[in-house]
Amino acid sequence: MAAERDEERQSILEKAEQRYKWLPVWMVIFQVVGVASFVLAGVWISVWLSGVGWDGSGAEFNVHTILMMLGMVYLNANALLTFRILRNNSYFVLKLVHCTLQGLSCLFIIVGLFAVFQYHNTSGINNMYSVHSWLGMAIIIIFFAQFLLGAITYLVPFIPPWFRNGLLPFHVYIGMALFVAATINCIVGIREKLSFVDSITYVDTEMAVANCLALLIGITGIVVMYPITREAWRWKAPRSPAKRAQPRHE
């Protein structure tokens, strides 16, 4: 019986490794595409959009672009993938890393919002006039509410298990929906920025770079959503020693 159990455990381990073998490939693709997005955004901003600054000019608006990409897309995606990338760690460690990344996202979002409002006020431009701004503000409000509720529910010890378990499906779904919406809104923002370019009537180098940036952001969303929605790659609580000692079919 002991030999049979050892063989079964080995078989389970081999199946687990087989199940996760493609996960690192997706993670590498995500990181490469994510970094490439920032490189392309940096090229666009530095060559055609007067760089970055904090003086109320268009350079300050560009701070908004970079920080929203960083907070709402890249860091948010890494936070969502925590339970896949670091699946061999304890559940508490995963929750702490996830919450920390989302907290950093909130920080960058706040600074990014301040930058765009200050730029608009300095330049005499109305705030909250476009679809991009309305959608963005709705996403941010829900994102902050989701972050606060999640941090309290899953990190505060005295929250009852029934509430945590009941909230979890909604927390996961809203998190994924917000990521998809944020990705789409980034692309909408790029399109809005291009609408102010004088050469909008033909595809010049700037427009090609901006379009490629929008494509990379869209690809980032697609690449991230697959491992998030793949049930086999989710973190699972380890079986207790007593359960591991039992045959799998019992």
Protein backbone atom coordinates (compact mmCIF):
# COMPACT_ATOMS: atom_id res chain seq x y z
CA MET A 1 0.00 0.00 0.00
CA ALA A 2 2.81 2.42 0.83
CA ALA A 3 4.41 1.80 -2.56
CA GLU A 4 1.09 2.41 -4.29
CA ARG A 5 0.61 5.68 -2.43
CA ASP A 6 4.13 6.80 -3.34
CA GLU A 7 3.45 6.03 -6.99
CA GLU A 8 0.18 7.92 -6.81
CA ARG A 9 1.83 10.96 -5.24
CA GLN A 10 4.50 10.93 -7.95
CA SER A 11 1.83 10.70 -10.61
CA ILE A 12 -0.03 13.65 -9.08
CA LEU A 13 3.16 15.74 -8.99
CA GLU A 14 3.95 14.92 -12.60
CA LYS A 15 0.42 15.86 -13.69
CA ALA A 16 0.66 19.12 -11.76
CA GLU A 17 3.95 20.03 -13.44
CA GLN A 18 2.47 19.14 -16.81
CA ARG A 19 -0.55 21.34 -16.09
CA TYR A 20 1.60 24.37 -15.29
CA LYS A 21 4.25 23.97 -17.98
CA TRP A 22 2.80 26.66 -20.27
CA LEU A 23 2.20 29.22 -17.52
CA PRO A 24 5.80 30.60 -17.55
CA VAL A 25 5.51 31.12 -21.31
CA TRP A 26 2.43 33.30 -20.85
CA MET A 27 4.12 35.22 -18.07
CA VAL A 28 7.16 35.96 -20.23
CA ILE A 29 4.92 37.10 -23.10
CA PHE A 30 3.01 39.38 -20.75
CA GLN A 31 6.15 40.98 -19.32
CA VAL A 32 7.71 41.46 -22.75
CA VAL A 33 4.56 43.06 -24.17
CA GLY A 34 4.09 45.16 -21.04
CA VAL A 35 7.65 46.53 -21.10
CA ALA A 36 7.41 47.09 -24.87
CA SER A 37 4.27 49.19 -24.26
CA PHE A 38 6.18 51.50 -21.92
CA VAL A 39 9.10 51.75 -24.33
CA LEU A 40 6.75 52.71 -27.16
CA ALA A 41 4.87 55.16 -24.92
CA GLY A 42 8.21 56.70 -23.96
CA VAL A 43 9.19 57.10 -27.61
CA TRP A 44 5.84 58.69 -28.47
CA ILE A 45 5.94 61.08 -25.53
CA SER A 46 9.60 62.07 -25.81
CA VAL A 47 9.70 62.53 -29.59
CA TRP A 48 6.28 64.02 -30.38
CA LEU A 49 4.61 65.08 -27.12
CA SER A 50 7.20 67.28 -25.35
CA GLY A 51 8.31 64.72 -22.77
CA VAL A 52 7.21 64.73 -19.13
CA GLY A 53 7.16 67.50 -16.56
CA TRP A 54 5.24 69.01 -13.67
CA ASP A 55 4.62 72.57 -14.82
CA GLY A 56 1.02 72.58 -15.99
CA SER A 57 2.03 72.16 -19.63
CA GLY A 58 1.39 69.28 -22.02
CA ALA A 59 4.39 67.56 -20.44
CA GLU A 60 2.39 67.20 -17.23
CA PHE A 61 -0.49 65.67 -19.16
CA ASN A 62 1.98 63.03 -20.38
CA VAL A 63 2.62 62.09 -16.74
CA HIS A 64 -1.06 61.14 -16.62
CA THR A 65 -0.62 58.85 -19.62
CA ILE A 66 2.36 56.99 -18.17
CA LEU A 67 0.97 56.63 -14.64
CA MET A 68 -2.43 55.39 -15.80
CA MET A 69 -0.77 52.76 -17.97
CA LEU A 70 1.39 51.78 -15.01
CA GLY A 71 -1.38 51.71 -12.43
CA MET A 72 -4.49 50.57 -14.28
CA VAL A 73 -2.88 48.12 -16.71
CA TYR A 74 0.61 46.89 -15.81
CA LEU A 75 0.57 46.79 -11.99
CA ASN A 76 -3.09 45.81 -11.99
CA ALA A 77 -2.31 42.89 -14.30
CA ASN A 78 0.58 41.75 -12.10
CA ALA A 79 -1.72 41.90 -9.07
CA LEU A 80 -4.33 39.77 -10.85
CA LEU A 81 -1.65 37.25 -11.82
CA THR A 82 -0.24 36.97 -8.29
CA PHE A 83 -2.29 33.86 -7.56
CA ARG A 84 -0.80 32.19 -10.64
CA ILE A 85 2.80 33.42 -10.60
CA LEU A 86 3.37 32.87 -6.86
CA ARG A 87 1.00 29.92 -6.44
CA ASN A 88 3.54 27.91 -4.36
CA ASN A 89 3.43 30.46 -1.53
CA SER A 90 0.98 30.59 1.34
CA TYR A 91 -2.44 32.14 0.81
CA PHE A 92 -1.61 34.99 3.21
CA VAL A 93 1.56 35.88 1.28
CA LEU A 94 -0.41 35.88 -1.97
CA LYS A 95 -3.06 38.16 -0.51
CA LEU A 96 -0.41 40.52 0.87
CA VAL A 97 1.43 40.76 -2.48
CA HIS A 98 -1.85 41.21 -4.35
CA CYS A 99 -2.98 43.97 -1.98
CA THR A 100 0.41 45.71 -2.11
CA LEU A 101 0.42 45.82 -5.91
CA GLN A 102 -3.13 47.12 -5.98
CA GLY A 103 -2.21 49.72 -3.37
CA LEU A 104 0.66 50.91 -5.56
CA SER A 105 -1.78 51.05 -8.47
CA CYS A 106 -4.04 53.33 -6.42
CA LEU A 107 -1.09 55.60 -5.60
CA PHE A 108 -0.08 56.01 -9.25
CA ILE A 109 -3.72 56.54 -10.26
CA ILE A 110 -4.10 59.37 -7.73
CA VAL A 111 -0.96 61.13 -8.99
CA GLY A 112 -2.05 60.56 -12.59
CA LEU A 113 -5.46 62.09 -11.90
CA PHE A 114 -3.89 65.09 -10.17
CA ALA A 115 -1.62 65.63 -13.18
CA VAL A 116 -4.42 65.69 -15.75
CA PHE A 117 -6.70 67.93 -13.65
CA GLN A 118 -3.87 70.37 -12.96
CA TYR A 119 -2.99 70.46 -16.66
CA HIS A 120 -6.62 71.14 -17.62
CA ASN A 121 -7.03 73.85 -14.99
CA THR A 122 -3.77 75.55 -15.94
CA SER A 123 -4.62 75.43 -19.65
CA GLY A 124 -8.22 76.54 -19.24
CA ILE A 125 -9.61 73.21 -20.49
CA ASN A 126 -12.83 71.84 -19.05
CA ASN A 127 -12.58 68.68 -16.94
CA MET A 128 -14.64 65.53 -17.47
CA TYR A 129 -15.92 66.39 -20.95
CA SER A 130 -15.13 63.21 -22.91
CA VAL A 131 -16.18 59.56 -22.98
CA HIS A 132 -12.63 58.65 -21.95
CA SER A 133 -12.81 60.81 -18.81
CA TRP A 134 -16.28 59.62 -17.81
CA LEU A 135 -15.43 55.96 -18.31
CA GLY A 136 -12.08 56.44 -16.60
CA MET A 137 -13.59 58.08 -13.54
CA ALA A 138 -16.22 55.34 -13.23
CA ILE A 139 -13.49 52.67 -13.43
CA ILE A 140 -11.36 54.47 -10.83
CA ILE A 141 -14.22 54.89 -8.34
CA ILE A 142 -15.15 51.20 -8.58
CA PHE A 143 -11.46 50.22 -8.47
CA PHE A 144 -10.88 52.12 -5.23
CA ALA A 145 -14.05 50.71 -3.66
CA GLN A 146 -13.01 47.22 -4.74
CA PHE A 147 -9.54 47.72 -3.27
CA LEU A 148 -10.77 48.99 0.10
CA LEU A 149 -13.45 46.32 0.46
CA GLY A 150 -11.02 43.57 -0.59
CA ALA A 151 -8.26 44.75 1.75
CA ILE A 152 -10.61 44.88 4.72
CA THR A 153 -12.36 41.61 3.93
CA TYR A 154 -9.31 39.44 3.23
CA LEU A 155 -6.65 40.96 5.48
CA VAL A 156 -8.58 41.87 8.64
CA PRO A 157 -8.64 38.74 10.85
CA PHE A 158 -12.11 39.05 12.43
CA ILE A 159 -14.08 39.15 9.16
CA PRO A 160 -16.30 36.02 9.21
CA PRO A 161 -15.44 33.27 6.69
CA TRP A 162 -18.98 33.18 5.29
CA PHE A 163 -18.66 36.82 4.22
CA ARG A 164 -15.23 36.26 2.67
CA ASN A 165 -16.38 33.20 0.75
CA GLY A 166 -19.57 34.89 -0.40
CA LEU A 167 -17.75 38.00 -1.61
CA LEU A 168 -14.94 36.17 -3.41
CA PRO A 169 -16.72 35.36 -6.72
CA PHE A 170 -17.88 38.98 -7.04
CA HIS A 171 -14.43 40.31 -6.07
CA VAL A 172 -12.76 38.16 -8.73
CA TYR A 173 -15.30 39.02 -11.43
CA ILE A 174 -15.25 42.77 -10.74
CA GLY A 175 -11.44 42.74 -10.72
CA MET A 176 -11.30 41.11 -14.13
CA ALA A 177 -14.03 43.38 -15.52
CA LEU A 178 -12.21 46.49 -14.28
CA PHE A 179 -8.96 45.32 -15.90
CA VAL A 180 -10.69 44.79 -19.25
CA ALA A 181 -12.46 48.15 -18.99
CA ALA A 182 -9.22 49.94 -18.05
CA THR A 183 -7.41 48.36 -21.01
CA ILE A 184 -10.14 49.49 -23.38
CA ASN A 185 -10.20 52.98 -21.88
CA CYS A 186 -6.44 53.34 -22.35
CA ILE A 187 -6.95 52.66 -26.05
CA VAL A 188 -9.83 55.17 -26.11
CA GLY A 189 -7.50 57.71 -24.49
CA ILE A 190 -4.84 57.18 -27.14
CA ARG A 191 -7.46 57.67 -29.85
CA GLU A 192 -8.63 60.85 -28.15
CA LYS A 193 -5.07 62.18 -27.96
CA LEU A 194 -4.57 61.46 -31.64
CA SER A 195 -7.71 63.46 -32.45
CA PHE A 196 -5.78 66.60 -31.44
CA VAL A 197 -2.94 65.88 -33.89
CA ASP A 198 -3.01 68.10 -36.98
CA SER A 199 -1.85 65.27 -39.25
CA ILE A 200 -4.82 63.06 -38.39
CA THR A 201 -5.82 62.86 -42.06
CA TYR A 202 -3.02 60.44 -42.92
CA VAL A 203 -0.93 57.80 -41.19
CA ASP A 204 2.40 59.41 -40.37
CA THR A 205 5.11 58.09 -38.08
CA GLU A 206 3.57 59.46 -34.90
CA MET A 207 0.21 57.94 -35.63
CA ALA A 208 1.83 54.61 -36.48
CA VAL A 209 3.67 54.61 -33.14
CA ALA A 210 0.50 55.52 -31.23
CA ASN A 211 -1.51 52.85 -33.06
CA CYS A 212 1.14 50.24 -32.26
CA LEU A 213 0.98 51.33 -28.61
CA ALA A 214 -2.78 50.80 -28.61
CA LEU A 215 -2.29 47.36 -30.16
CA LEU A 216 0.26 46.40 -27.51
CA ILE A 217 -2.09 47.47 -24.72
CA GLY A 218 -4.85 45.39 -26.30
CA ILE A 219 -2.52 42.40 -26.61
CA THR A 220 -1.56 42.84 -22.96
CA GLY A 221 -5.21 42.49 -22.00
CA ILE A 222 -5.63 39.36 -24.10
CA VAL A 223 -2.45 37.73 -22.79
CA VAL A 224 -3.36 38.46 -19.16
CA MET A 225 -6.96 37.25 -19.36
CA TYR A 226 -6.05 33.72 -20.48
CA PRO A 227 -4.09 32.64 -17.37
CA ILE A 228 -6.53 34.50 -15.12
CA THR A 229 -9.52 32.59 -16.49
CA ARG A 230 -7.78 29.20 -16.77
CA GLU A 231 -9.11 27.21 -13.83
CA ALA A 232 -6.22 24.69 -13.85
CA TRP A 233 -3.70 27.47 -13.11
CA ARG A 234 -5.50 28.90 -10.08
CA TRP A 235 -3.95 28.69 -6.62
CA LYS A 236 -5.38 25.79 -4.68
CA ALA A 237 -5.11 25.15 -0.97
CA PRO A 238 -2.71 22.26 -0.24
CA ARG A 239 -4.28 19.04 0.96
CA SER A 240 -3.75 18.21 4.61
CA PRO A 241 -1.34 15.36 5.46
CA ALA A 242 -4.29 13.17 6.45
CA LYS A 243 -5.99 13.73 3.11
CA ARG A 244 -2.78 13.25 1.17
CA ALA A 245 -2.35 9.88 2.85
CA GLN A 246 -5.71 8.74 1.52
CA PRO A 247 -6.06 7.24 -1.94
CA ARG A 248 -7.16 9.83 -4.48
CA HIS A 249 -10.42 8.00 -5.34
CA GLU A 250 -11.70 7.83 -1.76
